[in-house]
Amino acid sequence: MTCTVIPAATLALAATPLDTDQVVSGDPRVAALDVLGAQGLTIGIWEHTPGVSTDVEGDEVFVVLAGRATVVVEGGPTLELGPGDIGMVEAEARTTWTVHETLRKVYVVAGPVRPG
C-alpha cells in the first residue's frame, strides 16, 4: 500500500502551452501535473494565470484551491469559481475560462486527459 501527501497548493507544475487558437485575450499561462492515472481516472493539479481561454472538457470533477474565475459553458450555465468550490463539467462541453486571479485546482477526469 502506498500512502503519501502531495502539497497541491504549492507544488511546482510543468508548463503546458495553450494553443494560440485557445487564447481569447490576455496572456494566460497554463501548468499542470498528473498525480495519478489508474483504472480510467486521472487525478492532477492544474493552474491558469489571468486571461481568457477556451477549452473542450473531459468528464471532470475539480476542487478550486486558489484564485477566481468565471467559466461560461456553451449552451449551459456560467460558473463562478473560488477557493473551496467543487466544479463539475461534462465531456465535450465547450468552455470559456475568464481567470481573474491565478486559478489552481485539483481535478479528477474520467477517461483520457486532454492537454491544456
PDB file of N, CA and C in Angstrom:
ATOM      1  N   MET A   1       0.849  -1.175   0.000  1.00  0.00           N
ATOM      2  CA  MET A   1       0.000   0.000   0.000  1.00  0.00           C
ATOM      3  C   MET A   1       0.892   1.235   0.000  1.00  0.00           C
ATOM      4  N   THR A   2       0.580   2.208  -0.868  1.00  0.00           N
ATOM      5  CA  THR A   2       1.321   3.455  -0.921  1.00  0.00           C
ATOM      6  C   THR A   2       0.465   4.565  -0.333  1.00  0.00           C
ATOM      7  N   CYS A   3       1.025   5.284   0.601  1.00  0.00           N
ATOM      8  CA  CYS A   3       0.346   6.425   1.202  1.00  0.00           C
ATOM      9  C   CYS A   3       1.277   7.611   1.090  1.00  0.00           C
ATOM     10  N   THR A   4       0.722   8.757   0.735  1.00  0.00           N
ATOM     11  CA  THR A   4       1.558   9.938   0.569  1.00  0.00           C
ATOM     12  C   THR A   4       0.737  11.202   0.745  1.00  0.00           C
ATOM     13  N   VAL A   5       1.421  12.306   0.899  1.00  0.00           N
ATOM     14  CA  VAL A   5       0.794  13.616   0.947  1.00  0.00           C
ATOM     15  C   VAL A   5       1.393  14.423  -0.188  1.00  0.00           C
ATOM     16  N   ILE A   6       0.557  15.109  -0.928  1.00  0.00           N
ATOM     17  CA  ILE A   6       1.003  15.952  -2.036  1.00  0.00           C
ATOM     18  C   ILE A   6       0.651  17.393  -1.694  1.00  0.00           C
ATOM     19  N   PRO A   7       1.628  18.293  -1.685  1.00  0.00           N
ATOM     20  CA  PRO A   7       1.351  19.701  -1.370  1.00  0.00           C
ATOM     21  C   PRO A   7       0.715  20.406  -2.581  1.00  0.00           C
ATOM     22  N   ALA A   8      -0.533  20.118  -2.843  1.00  0.00           N
ATOM     23  CA  ALA A   8      -1.215  20.572  -4.069  1.00  0.00           C
ATOM     24  C   ALA A   8      -1.250  22.083  -4.219  1.00  0.00           C
ATOM     25  N   ALA A   9      -1.266  22.815  -3.118  1.00  0.00           N
ATOM     26  CA  ALA A   9      -1.353  24.274  -3.196  1.00  0.00           C
ATOM     27  C   ALA A   9      -0.034  24.920  -3.580  1.00  0.00           C
ATOM     28  N   THR A  10       1.094  24.211  -3.365  1.00  0.00           N
ATOM     29  CA  THR A  10       2.403  24.831  -3.594  1.00  0.00           C
ATOM     30  C   THR A  10       3.315  24.043  -4.524  1.00  0.00           C
ATOM     31  N   LEU A  11       2.937  22.871  -4.929  1.00  0.00           N
ATOM     32  CA  LEU A  11       3.772  22.016  -5.769  1.00  0.00           C
ATOM     33  C   LEU A  11       4.077  22.689  -7.100  1.00  0.00           C
ATOM     34  N   ALA A  12       5.329  22.625  -7.542  1.00  0.00           N
ATOM     35  CA  ALA A  12       5.711  23.171  -8.850  1.00  0.00           C
ATOM     36  C   ALA A  12       5.062  22.337  -9.950  1.00  0.00           C
ATOM     37  N   LEU A  13       4.509  23.021 -10.949  1.00  0.00           N
ATOM     38  CA  LEU A  13       3.815  22.359 -12.054  1.00  0.00           C
ATOM     39  C   LEU A  13       4.578  22.612 -13.359  1.00  0.00           C
ATOM     40  N   ALA A  14       4.410  21.722 -14.312  1.00  0.00           N
ATOM     41  CA  ALA A  14       5.058  21.858 -15.620  1.00  0.00           C
ATOM     42  C   ALA A  14       4.187  22.684 -16.549  1.00  0.00           C
ATOM     43  N   ALA A  15       4.801  23.636 -17.231  1.00  0.00           N
ATOM     44  CA  ALA A  15       4.065  24.461 -18.203  1.00  0.00           C
ATOM     45  C   ALA A  15       3.501  23.582 -19.302  1.00  0.00           C
ATOM     46  N   THR A  16       2.239  23.831 -19.651  1.00  0.00           N
ATOM     47  CA  THR A  16       1.584  23.133 -20.752  1.00  0.00           C
ATOM     48  C   THR A  16       0.994  24.207 -21.657  1.00  0.00           C
ATOM     49  N   PRO A  17       1.727  24.614 -22.696  1.00  0.00           N
ATOM     50  CA  PRO A  17       1.306  25.752 -23.521  1.00  0.00           C
ATOM     51  C   PRO A  17      -0.094  25.579 -24.099  1.00  0.00           C
ATOM     52  N   LEU A  18      -0.827  26.677 -24.106  1.00  0.00           N
ATOM     53  CA  LEU A  18      -2.128  26.710 -24.761  1.00  0.00           C
ATOM     54  C   LEU A  18      -1.909  26.872 -26.256  1.00  0.00           C
ATOM     55  N   ASP A  19      -2.770  26.244 -27.065  1.00  0.00           N
ATOM     56  CA  ASP A  19      -2.753  26.513 -28.499  1.00  0.00           C
ATOM     57  C   ASP A  19      -3.162  27.959 -28.699  1.00  0.00           C
ATOM     58  N   THR A  20      -2.571  28.632 -29.661  1.00  0.00           N
ATOM     59  CA  THR A  20      -2.888  30.046 -29.883  1.00  0.00           C
ATOM     60  C   THR A  20      -4.365  30.256 -30.173  1.00  0.00           C
ATOM     61  N   ASP A  21      -5.026  29.270 -30.791  1.00  0.00           N
ATOM     62  CA  ASP A  21      -6.458  29.423 -31.070  1.00  0.00           C
ATOM     63  C   ASP A  21      -7.321  29.297 -29.820  1.00  0.00           C
ATOM     64  N   GLN A  22      -6.733  28.860 -28.692  1.00  0.00           N
ATOM     65  CA  GLN A  22      -7.469  28.782 -27.426  1.00  0.00           C
ATOM     66  C   GLN A  22      -7.447  30.109 -26.675  1.00  0.00           C
ATOM     67  N   VAL A  23      -6.469  30.963 -26.952  1.00  0.00           N
ATOM     68  CA  VAL A  23      -6.328  32.224 -26.230  1.00  0.00           C
ATOM     69  C   VAL A  23      -7.289  33.253 -26.804  1.00  0.00           C
ATOM     70  N   VAL A  24      -8.181  33.758 -25.955  1.00  0.00           N
ATOM     71  CA  VAL A  24      -9.163  34.764 -26.356  1.00  0.00           C
ATOM     72  C   VAL A  24      -8.620  36.155 -26.074  1.00  0.00           C
ATOM     73  N   SER A  25      -8.057  36.358 -24.872  1.00  0.00           N
ATOM     74  CA  SER A  25      -7.471  37.650 -24.535  1.00  0.00           C
ATOM     75  C   SER A  25      -6.472  37.501 -23.407  1.00  0.00           C
ATOM     76  N   GLY A  26      -5.589  38.502 -23.295  1.00  0.00           N
ATOM     77  CA  GLY A  26      -4.559  38.467 -22.273  1.00  0.00           C
ATOM     78  C   GLY A  26      -3.430  37.540 -22.689  1.00  0.00           C
ATOM     79  N   ASP A  27      -2.668  37.131 -21.715  1.00  0.00           N
ATOM     80  CA  ASP A  27      -1.531  36.234 -21.941  1.00  0.00           C
ATOM     81  C   ASP A  27      -1.592  35.087 -20.928  1.00  0.00           C
ATOM     82  N   PRO A  28      -2.694  34.302 -20.970  1.00  0.00           N
ATOM     83  CA  PRO A  28      -2.830  33.244 -19.968  1.00  0.00           C
ATOM     84  C   PRO A  28      -1.779  32.149 -20.152  1.00  0.00           C
ATOM     85  N   ARG A  29      -1.320  31.643 -19.025  1.00  0.00           N
ATOM     86  CA  ARG A  29      -0.374  30.525 -18.992  1.00  0.00           C
ATOM     87  C   ARG A  29      -1.019  29.393 -18.208  1.00  0.00           C
ATOM     88  N   VAL A  30      -0.739  28.185 -18.657  1.00  0.00           N
ATOM     89  CA  VAL A  30      -1.310  27.009 -18.008  1.00  0.00           C
ATOM     90  C   VAL A  30      -0.165  26.085 -17.602  1.00  0.00           C
ATOM     91  N   ALA A  31      -0.314  25.474 -16.436  1.00  0.00           N
ATOM     92  CA  ALA A  31       0.646  24.476 -15.961  1.00  0.00           C
ATOM     93  C   ALA A  31      -0.144  23.346 -15.318  1.00  0.00           C
ATOM     94  N   ALA A  32       0.426  22.146 -15.345  1.00  0.00           N
ATOM     95  CA  ALA A  32      -0.296  21.001 -14.802  1.00  0.00           C
ATOM     96  C   ALA A  32       0.670  19.913 -14.361  1.00  0.00           C
ATOM     97  N   LEU A  33       0.144  19.015 -13.572  1.00  0.00           N
ATOM     98  CA  LEU A  33       0.878  17.827 -13.165  1.00  0.00           C
ATOM     99  C   LEU A  33      -0.135  16.716 -12.940  1.00  0.00           C
ATOM    100  N   ASP A  34      -0.001  15.623 -13.694  1.00  0.00           N
ATOM    101  CA  ASP A  34      -0.816  14.446 -13.428  1.00  0.00           C
ATOM    102  C   ASP A  34      -0.195  13.729 -12.235  1.00  0.00           C
ATOM    103  N   VAL A  35      -0.994  13.513 -11.204  1.00  0.00           N
ATOM    104  CA  VAL A  35      -0.514  12.892  -9.982  1.00  0.00           C
ATOM    105  C   VAL A  35      -0.705  11.387 -10.027  1.00  0.00           C
ATOM    106  N   LEU A  36      -1.831  10.949 -10.608  1.00  0.00           N
ATOM    107  CA  LEU A  36      -2.146   9.520 -10.643  1.00  0.00           C
ATOM    108  C   LEU A  36      -3.029   9.235 -11.840  1.00  0.00           C
ATOM    109  N   GLY A  37      -2.732   8.172 -12.535  1.00  0.00           N
ATOM    110  CA  GLY A  37      -3.590   7.709 -13.618  1.00  0.00           C
ATOM    111  C   GLY A  37      -3.797   6.212 -13.453  1.00  0.00           C
ATOM    112  N   ALA A  38      -5.014   5.803 -13.191  1.00  0.00           N
ATOM    113  CA  ALA A  38      -5.300   4.392 -12.971  1.00  0.00           C
ATOM    114  C   ALA A  38      -6.777   4.123 -13.174  1.00  0.00           C
ATOM    115  N   GLN A  39      -7.087   2.958 -13.720  1.00  0.00           N
ATOM    116  CA  GLN A  39      -8.458   2.478 -13.855  1.00  0.00           C
ATOM    117  C   GLN A  39      -9.377   3.508 -14.517  1.00  0.00           C
ATOM    118  N   GLY A  40      -8.890   4.158 -15.591  1.00  0.00           N
ATOM    119  CA  GLY A  40      -9.729   5.085 -16.343  1.00  0.00           C
ATOM    120  C   GLY A  40      -9.900   6.448 -15.716  1.00  0.00           C
ATOM    121  N   LEU A  41      -9.160   6.747 -14.639  1.00  0.00           N
ATOM    122  CA  LEU A  41      -9.228   8.063 -13.991  1.00  0.00           C
ATOM    123  C   LEU A  41      -7.850   8.705 -14.000  1.00  0.00           C
ATOM    124  N   THR A  42      -7.833  10.030 -14.141  1.00  0.00           N
ATOM    125  CA  THR A  42      -6.600  10.781 -13.970  1.00  0.00           C
ATOM    126  C   THR A  42      -6.848  11.832 -12.898  1.00  0.00           C
ATOM    127  N   ILE A  43      -5.941  11.904 -11.942  1.00  0.00           N
ATOM    128  CA  ILE A  43      -6.006  12.901 -10.886  1.00  0.00           C
ATOM    129  C   ILE A  43      -4.797  13.800 -11.056  1.00  0.00           C
ATOM    130  N   GLY A  44      -5.026  15.103 -10.977  1.00  0.00           N
ATOM    131  CA  GLY A  44      -3.908  16.009 -11.159  1.00  0.00           C
ATOM    132  C   GLY A  44      -4.169  17.391 -10.599  1.00  0.00           C
ATOM    133  N   ILE A  45      -3.195  18.256 -10.826  1.00  0.00           N
ATOM    134  CA  ILE A  45      -3.258  19.650 -10.390  1.00  0.00           C
ATOM    135  C   ILE A  45      -3.102  20.508 -11.635  1.00  0.00           C
ATOM    136  N   TRP A  46      -3.898  21.571 -11.743  1.00  0.00           N
ATOM    137  CA  TRP A  46      -3.902  22.449 -12.920  1.00  0.00           C
ATOM    138  C   TRP A  46      -3.950  23.888 -12.474  1.00  0.00           C
ATOM    139  N   GLU A  47      -3.222  24.738 -13.193  1.00  0.00           N
ATOM    140  CA  GLU A  47      -3.191  26.155 -12.864  1.00  0.00           C
ATOM    141  C   GLU A  47      -3.305  26.980 -14.144  1.00  0.00           C
ATOM    142  N   HIS A  48      -4.019  28.103 -14.055  1.00  0.00           N
ATOM    143  CA  HIS A  48      -4.256  29.007 -15.191  1.00  0.00           C
ATOM    144  C   HIS A  48      -4.080  30.428 -14.671  1.00  0.00           C
ATOM    145  N   THR A  49      -3.166  31.185 -15.291  1.00  0.00           N
ATOM    146  CA  THR A  49      -2.937  32.567 -14.876  1.00  0.00           C
ATOM    147  C   THR A  49      -4.018  33.461 -15.469  1.00  0.00           C
ATOM    148  N   PRO A  50      -4.109  34.721 -15.011  1.00  0.00           N
ATOM    149  CA  PRO A  50      -5.151  35.619 -15.519  1.00  0.00           C
ATOM    150  C   PRO A  50      -5.138  35.756 -17.046  1.00  0.00           C
ATOM    151  N   GLY A  51      -6.337  35.802 -17.582  1.00  0.00           N
ATOM    152  CA  GLY A  51      -6.556  35.881 -19.017  1.00  0.00           C
ATOM    153  C   GLY A  51      -7.784  35.071 -19.376  1.00  0.00           C
ATOM    154  N   VAL A  52      -8.067  34.985 -20.674  1.00  0.00           N
ATOM    155  CA  VAL A  52      -9.263  34.274 -21.143  1.00  0.00           C
ATOM    156  C   VAL A  52      -8.837  33.237 -22.178  1.00  0.00           C
ATOM    157  N   SER A  53      -9.311  32.000 -21.992  1.00  0.00           N
ATOM    158  CA  SER A  53      -9.023  30.926 -22.942  1.00  0.00           C
ATOM    159  C   SER A  53     -10.231  30.006 -23.073  1.00  0.00           C
ATOM    160  N   THR A  54     -10.212  29.218 -24.127  1.00  0.00           N
ATOM    161  CA  THR A  54     -11.292  28.262 -24.362  1.00  0.00           C
ATOM    162  C   THR A  54     -10.751  26.841 -24.208  1.00  0.00           C
ATOM    163  N   ASP A  55     -11.685  25.909 -24.014  1.00  0.00           N
ATOM    164  CA  ASP A  55     -11.307  24.509 -23.878  1.00  0.00           C
ATOM    165  C   ASP A  55     -12.488  23.633 -24.267  1.00  0.00           C
ATOM    166  N   VAL A  56     -12.194  22.376 -24.546  1.00  0.00           N
ATOM    167  CA  VAL A  56     -13.211  21.341 -24.697  1.00  0.00           C
ATOM    168  C   VAL A  56     -12.910  20.338 -23.595  1.00  0.00           C
ATOM    169  N   GLU A  57     -13.862  20.156 -22.704  1.00  0.00           N
ATOM    170  CA  GLU A  57     -13.632  19.429 -21.459  1.00  0.00           C
ATOM    171  C   GLU A  57     -13.759  17.917 -21.596  1.00  0.00           C
ATOM    172  N   GLY A  58     -13.198  17.229 -20.591  1.00  0.00           N
ATOM    173  CA  GLY A  58     -13.451  15.817 -20.363  1.00  0.00           C
ATOM    174  C   GLY A  58     -14.443  15.714 -19.220  1.00  0.00           C
ATOM    175  N   ASP A  59     -14.893  14.511 -18.890  1.00  0.00           N
ATOM    176  CA  ASP A  59     -15.753  14.328 -17.710  1.00  0.00           C
ATOM    177  C   ASP A  59     -14.891  14.611 -16.484  1.00  0.00           C
ATOM    178  N   GLU A  60     -15.167  15.718 -15.801  1.00  0.00           N
ATOM    179  CA  GLU A  60     -14.256  16.170 -14.752  1.00  0.00           C
ATOM    180  C   GLU A  60     -14.990  16.700 -13.527  1.00  0.00           C
ATOM    181  N   VAL A  61     -14.414  16.391 -12.373  1.00  0.00           N
ATOM    182  CA  VAL A  61     -14.795  16.993 -11.098  1.00  0.00           C
ATOM    183  C   VAL A  61     -13.517  17.630 -10.572  1.00  0.00           C
ATOM    184  N   PHE A  62     -13.638  18.863 -10.045  1.00  0.00           N
ATOM    185  CA  PHE A  62     -12.448  19.535  -9.532  1.00  0.00           C
ATOM    186  C   PHE A  62     -12.773  20.340  -8.290  1.00  0.00           C
ATOM    187  N   VAL A  63     -11.718  20.603  -7.506  1.00  0.00           N
ATOM    188  CA  VAL A  63     -11.810  21.439  -6.319  1.00  0.00           C
ATOM    189  C   VAL A  63     -10.848  22.600  -6.520  1.00  0.00           C
ATOM    190  N   VAL A  64     -11.360  23.817  -6.392  1.00  0.00           N
ATOM    191  CA  VAL A  64     -10.530  25.010  -6.536  1.00  0.00           C
ATOM    192  C   VAL A  64      -9.764  25.232  -5.232  1.00  0.00           C
ATOM    193  N   LEU A  65      -8.441  25.311  -5.349  1.00  0.00           N
ATOM    194  CA  LEU A  65      -7.588  25.556  -4.191  1.00  0.00           C
ATOM    195  C   LEU A  65      -7.345  27.043  -3.978  1.00  0.00           C
ATOM    196  N   ALA A  66      -7.200  27.776  -5.087  1.00  0.00           N
ATOM    197  CA  ALA A  66      -6.869  29.203  -5.004  1.00  0.00           C
ATOM    198  C   ALA A  66      -7.319  29.900  -6.277  1.00  0.00           C
ATOM    199  N   GLY A  67      -7.549  31.205  -6.176  1.00  0.00           N
ATOM    200  CA  GLY A  67      -7.869  32.013  -7.341  1.00  0.00           C
ATOM    201  C   GLY A  67      -9.358  32.166  -7.581  1.00  0.00           C
ATOM    202  N   ARG A  68      -9.663  32.909  -8.649  1.00  0.00           N
ATOM    203  CA  ARG A  68     -11.061  33.164  -9.015  1.00  0.00           C
ATOM    204  C   ARG A  68     -11.187  33.136 -10.525  1.00  0.00           C
ATOM    205  N   ALA A  69     -12.309  32.583 -10.992  1.00  0.00           N
ATOM    206  CA  ALA A  69     -12.566  32.509 -12.425  1.00  0.00           C
ATOM    207  C   ALA A  69     -14.059  32.452 -12.688  1.00  0.00           C
ATOM    208  N   THR A  70     -14.422  32.869 -13.893  1.00  0.00           N
ATOM    209  CA  THR A  70     -15.774  32.711 -14.414  1.00  0.00           C
ATOM    210  C   THR A  70     -15.666  31.779 -15.608  1.00  0.00           C
ATOM    211  N   VAL A  71     -16.441  30.709 -15.587  1.00  0.00           N
ATOM    212  CA  VAL A  71     -16.409  29.742 -16.685  1.00  0.00           C
ATOM    213  C   VAL A  71     -17.780  29.730 -17.343  1.00  0.00           C
ATOM    214  N   VAL A  72     -17.809  30.058 -18.625  1.00  0.00           N
ATOM    215  CA  VAL A  72     -19.050  30.031 -19.392  1.00  0.00           C
ATOM    216  C   VAL A  72     -19.075  28.716 -20.165  1.00  0.00           C
ATOM    217  N   VAL A  73     -20.116  27.924 -19.950  1.00  0.00           N
ATOM    218  CA  VAL A  73     -20.295  26.660 -20.655  1.00  0.00           C
ATOM    219  C   VAL A  73     -21.236  26.931 -21.823  1.00  0.00           C
ATOM    220  N   GLU A  74     -20.767  26.679 -23.039  1.00  0.00           N
ATOM    221  CA  GLU A  74     -21.590  26.922 -24.229  1.00  0.00           C
ATOM    222  C   GLU A  74     -22.890  26.128 -24.127  1.00  0.00           C
ATOM    223  N   GLY A  75     -24.022  26.835 -24.215  1.00  0.00           N
ATOM    224  CA  GLY A  75     -25.325  26.187 -24.115  1.00  0.00           C
ATOM    225  C   GLY A  75     -25.676  25.751 -22.705  1.00  0.00           C
ATOM    226  N   GLY A  76     -24.913  26.216 -21.719  1.00  0.00           N
ATOM    227  CA  GLY A  76     -25.150  25.789 -20.342  1.00  0.00           C
ATOM    228  C   GLY A  76     -24.962  26.938 -19.377  1.00  0.00           C
ATOM    229  N   PRO A  77     -24.605  26.597 -18.142  1.00  0.00           N
ATOM    230  CA  PRO A  77     -24.520  27.619 -17.097  1.00  0.00           C
ATOM    231  C   PRO A  77     -23.213  28.414 -17.148  1.00  0.00           C
ATOM    232  N   THR A  78     -23.182  29.467 -16.359  1.00  0.00           N
ATOM    233  CA  THR A  78     -21.957  30.209 -16.080  1.00  0.00           C
ATOM    234  C   THR A  78     -21.563  29.874 -14.650  1.00  0.00           C
ATOM    235  N   LEU A  79     -20.328  29.430 -14.476  1.00  0.00           N
ATOM    236  CA  LEU A  79     -19.840  29.009 -13.167  1.00  0.00           C
ATOM    237  C   LEU A  79     -18.918  30.082 -12.599  1.00  0.00           C
ATOM    238  N   GLU A  80     -19.187  30.535 -11.378  1.00  0.00           N
ATOM    239  CA  GLU A  80     -18.310  31.461 -10.668  1.00  0.00           C
ATOM    240  C   GLU A  80     -17.515  30.623  -9.684  1.00  0.00           C
ATOM    241  N   LEU A  81     -16.198  30.603  -9.855  1.00  0.00           N
ATOM    242  CA  LEU A  81     -15.347  29.713  -9.072  1.00  0.00           C
ATOM    243  C   LEU A  81     -14.439  30.481  -8.129  1.00  0.00           C
ATOM    244  N   GLY A  82     -14.274  29.945  -6.928  1.00  0.00           N
ATOM    245  CA  GLY A  82     -13.351  30.497  -5.941  1.00  0.00           C
ATOM    246  C   GLY A  82     -12.855  29.382  -5.043  1.00  0.00           C
ATOM    247  N   PRO A  83     -11.933  29.697  -4.149  1.00  0.00           N
ATOM    248  CA  PRO A  83     -11.349  28.692  -3.265  1.00  0.00           C
ATOM    249  C   PRO A  83     -12.411  27.889  -2.518  1.00  0.00           C
ATOM    250  N   GLY A  84     -12.224  26.570  -2.541  1.00  0.00           N
ATOM    251  CA  GLY A  84     -13.141  25.672  -1.845  1.00  0.00           C
ATOM    252  C   GLY A  84     -14.301  25.181  -2.691  1.00  0.00           C
ATOM    253  N   ASP A  85     -14.519  25.786  -3.865  1.00  0.00           N
ATOM    254  CA  ASP A  85     -15.631  25.352  -4.721  1.00  0.00           C
ATOM    255  C   ASP A  85     -15.314  24.029  -5.400  1.00  0.00           C
ATOM    256  N   ILE A  86     -16.350  23.218  -5.555  1.00  0.00           N
ATOM    257  CA  ILE A  86     -16.264  21.982  -6.327  1.00  0.00           C
ATOM    258  C   ILE A  86     -17.015  22.226  -7.624  1.00  0.00           C
ATOM    259  N   GLY A  87     -16.349  21.989  -8.748  1.00  0.00           N
ATOM    260  CA  GLY A  87     -16.977  22.170 -10.050  1.00  0.00           C
ATOM    261  C   GLY A  87     -17.077  20.839 -10.769  1.00  0.00           C
ATOM    262  N   MET A  88     -18.029  20.769 -11.678  1.00  0.00           N
ATOM    263  CA  MET A  88     -18.205  19.576 -12.497  1.00  0.00           C
ATOM    264  C   MET A  88     -18.486  20.005 -13.922  1.00  0.00           C
ATOM    265  N   VAL A  89     -17.809  19.386 -14.889  1.00  0.00           N
ATOM    266  CA  VAL A  89     -18.071  19.620 -16.297  1.00  0.00           C
ATOM    267  C   VAL A  89     -18.169  18.273 -17.001  1.00  0.00           C
ATOM    268  N   GLU A  90     -19.015  18.237 -18.010  1.00  0.00           N
ATOM    269  CA  GLU A  90     -19.215  17.002 -18.772  1.00  0.00           C
ATOM    270  C   GLU A  90     -18.266  16.945 -19.955  1.00  0.00           C
ATOM    271  N   ALA A  91     -17.971  15.735 -20.397  1.00  0.00           N
ATOM    272  CA  ALA A  91     -17.147  15.530 -21.582  1.00  0.00           C
ATOM    273  C   ALA A  91     -17.759  16.257 -22.770  1.00  0.00           C
ATOM    274  N   GLU A  92     -16.889  16.850 -23.561  1.00  0.00           N
ATOM    275  CA  GLU A  92     -17.243  17.574 -24.793  1.00  0.00           C
ATOM    276  C   GLU A  92     -17.855  18.946 -24.538  1.00  0.00           C
ATOM    277  N   ALA A  93     -18.008  19.367 -23.278  1.00  0.00           N
ATOM    278  CA  ALA A  93     -18.507  20.717 -23.006  1.00  0.00           C
ATOM    279  C   ALA A  93     -17.483  21.717 -23.524  1.00  0.00           C
ATOM    280  N   ARG A  94     -17.961  22.716 -24.247  1.00  0.00           N
ATOM    281  CA  ARG A  94     -17.094  23.796 -24.744  1.00  0.00           C
ATOM    282  C   ARG A  94     -17.175  24.934 -23.743  1.00  0.00           C
ATOM    283  N   THR A  95     -16.018  25.326 -23.221  1.00  0.00           N
ATOM    284  CA  THR A  95     -15.978  26.308 -22.149  1.00  0.00           C
ATOM    285  C   THR A  95     -15.077  27.485 -22.505  1.00  0.00           C
ATOM    286  N   THR A  96     -15.395  28.627 -21.883  1.00  0.00           N
ATOM    287  CA  THR A  96     -14.528  29.806 -21.935  1.00  0.00           C
ATOM    288  C   THR A  96     -14.189  30.164 -20.501  1.00  0.00           C
ATOM    289  N   TRP A  97     -12.900  30.159 -20.191  1.00  0.00           N
ATOM    290  CA  TRP A  97     -12.400  30.426 -18.846  1.00  0.00           C
ATOM    291  C   TRP A  97     -11.881  31.852 -18.779  1.00  0.00           C
ATOM    292  N   THR A  98     -12.524  32.686 -17.966  1.00  0.00           N
ATOM    293  CA  THR A  98     -12.026  34.025 -17.686  1.00  0.00           C
ATOM    294  C   THR A  98     -11.443  33.970 -16.282  1.00  0.00           C
ATOM    295  N   VAL A  99     -10.127  33.978 -16.209  1.00  0.00           N
ATOM    296  CA  VAL A  99      -9.446  33.842 -14.923  1.00  0.00           C
ATOM    297  C   VAL A  99      -9.077  35.226 -14.423  1.00  0.00           C
ATOM    298  N   HIS A 100      -9.645  35.588 -13.277  1.00  0.00           N
ATOM    299  CA  HIS A 100      -9.446  36.897 -12.673  1.00  0.00           C
ATOM    300  C   HIS A 100      -8.201  36.917 -11.780  1.00  0.00           C
ATOM    301  N   GLU A 101      -7.976  35.837 -11.044  1.00  0.00           N
ATOM    302  CA  GLU A 101      -6.812  35.640 -10.183  1.00  0.00           C
ATOM    303  C   GLU A 101      -6.317  34.227 -10.460  1.00  0.00           C
ATOM    304  N   THR A 102      -5.010  34.038 -10.539  1.00  0.00           N
ATOM    305  CA  THR A 102      -4.456  32.722 -10.890  1.00  0.00           C
ATOM    306  C   THR A 102      -5.236  31.617 -10.180  1.00  0.00           C
ATOM    307  N   LEU A 103      -5.767  30.715 -10.987  1.00  0.00           N
ATOM    308  CA  LEU A 103      -6.623  29.628 -10.501  1.00  0.00           C
ATOM    309  C   LEU A 103      -5.821  28.344 -10.416  1.00  0.00           C
ATOM    310  N   ARG A 104      -5.915  27.658  -9.278  1.00  0.00           N
ATOM    311  CA  ARG A 104      -5.293  26.345  -9.120  1.00  0.00           C
ATOM    312  C   ARG A 104      -6.365  25.392  -8.640  1.00  0.00           C
ATOM    313  N   LYS A 105      -6.424  24.232  -9.281  1.00  0.00           N
ATOM    314  CA  LYS A 105      -7.438  23.236  -8.911  1.00  0.00           C
ATOM    315  C   LYS A 105      -6.825  21.850  -8.901  1.00  0.00           C
ATOM    316  N   VAL A 106      -7.443  20.976  -8.133  1.00  0.00           N
ATOM    317  CA  VAL A 106      -7.166  19.549  -8.177  1.00  0.00           C
ATOM    318  C   VAL A 106      -8.319  18.924  -8.932  1.00  0.00           C
ATOM    319  N   TYR A 107      -7.993  18.090  -9.923  1.00  0.00           N
ATOM    320  CA  TYR A 107      -9.047  17.533 -10.778  1.00  0.00           C
ATOM    321  C   TYR A 107      -9.011  16.009 -10.816  1.00  0.00           C
ATOM    322  N   VAL A 108     -10.170  15.453 -11.110  1.00  0.00           N
ATOM    323  CA  VAL A 108     -10.317  14.028 -11.408  1.00  0.00           C
ATOM    324  C   VAL A 108     -11.066  13.956 -12.729  1.00  0.00           C
ATOM    325  N   VAL A 109     -10.433  13.321 -13.717  1.00  0.00           N
ATOM    326  CA  VAL A 109     -11.038  13.200 -15.039  1.00  0.00           C
ATOM    327  C   VAL A 109     -11.229  11.716 -15.349  1.00  0.00           C
ATOM    328  N   ALA A 110     -12.435  11.379 -15.828  1.00  0.00           N
ATOM    329  CA  ALA A 110     -12.713  10.020 -16.282  1.00  0.00           C
ATOM    330  C   ALA A 110     -12.310   9.931 -17.747  1.00  0.00           C
ATOM    331  N   GLY A 111     -11.500   8.944 -18.098  1.00  0.00           N
ATOM    332  CA  GLY A 111     -11.027   8.804 -19.475  1.00  0.00           C
ATOM    333  C   GLY A 111      -9.743   9.596 -19.659  1.00  0.00           C
ATOM    334  N   PRO A 112      -9.290   9.705 -20.919  1.00  0.00           N
ATOM    335  CA  PRO A 112      -8.029  10.390 -21.166  1.00  0.00           C
ATOM    336  C   PRO A 112      -8.110  11.891 -20.883  1.00  0.00           C
ATOM    337  N   VAL A 113      -7.014  12.450 -20.399  1.00  0.00           N
ATOM    338  CA  VAL A 113      -6.925  13.892 -20.145  1.00  0.00           C
ATOM    339  C   VAL A 113      -6.439  14.559 -21.423  1.00  0.00           C
ATOM    340  N   ARG A 114      -7.093  15.661 -21.764  1.00  0.00           N
ATOM    341  CA  ARG A 114      -6.664  16.458 -22.922  1.00  0.00           C
ATOM    342  C   ARG A 114      -5.676  17.508 -22.457  1.00  0.00           C
ATOM    343  N   PRO A 115      -4.595  17.690 -23.198  1.00  0.00           N
ATOM    344  CA  PRO A 115      -3.649  18.739 -22.786  1.00  0.00           C
ATOM    345  C   PRO A 115      -4.307  20.102 -22.795  1.00  0.00           C
ATOM    346  N   GLY A 116      -3.832  20.991 -21.875  1.00  0.00           N
ATOM    347  CA  GLY A 116      -4.361  22.363 -21.844  1.00  0.00           C
ATOM    348  C   GLY A 116      -5.592  22.381 -21.060  1.00  0.00           C
TER     349      GLY A 116
END
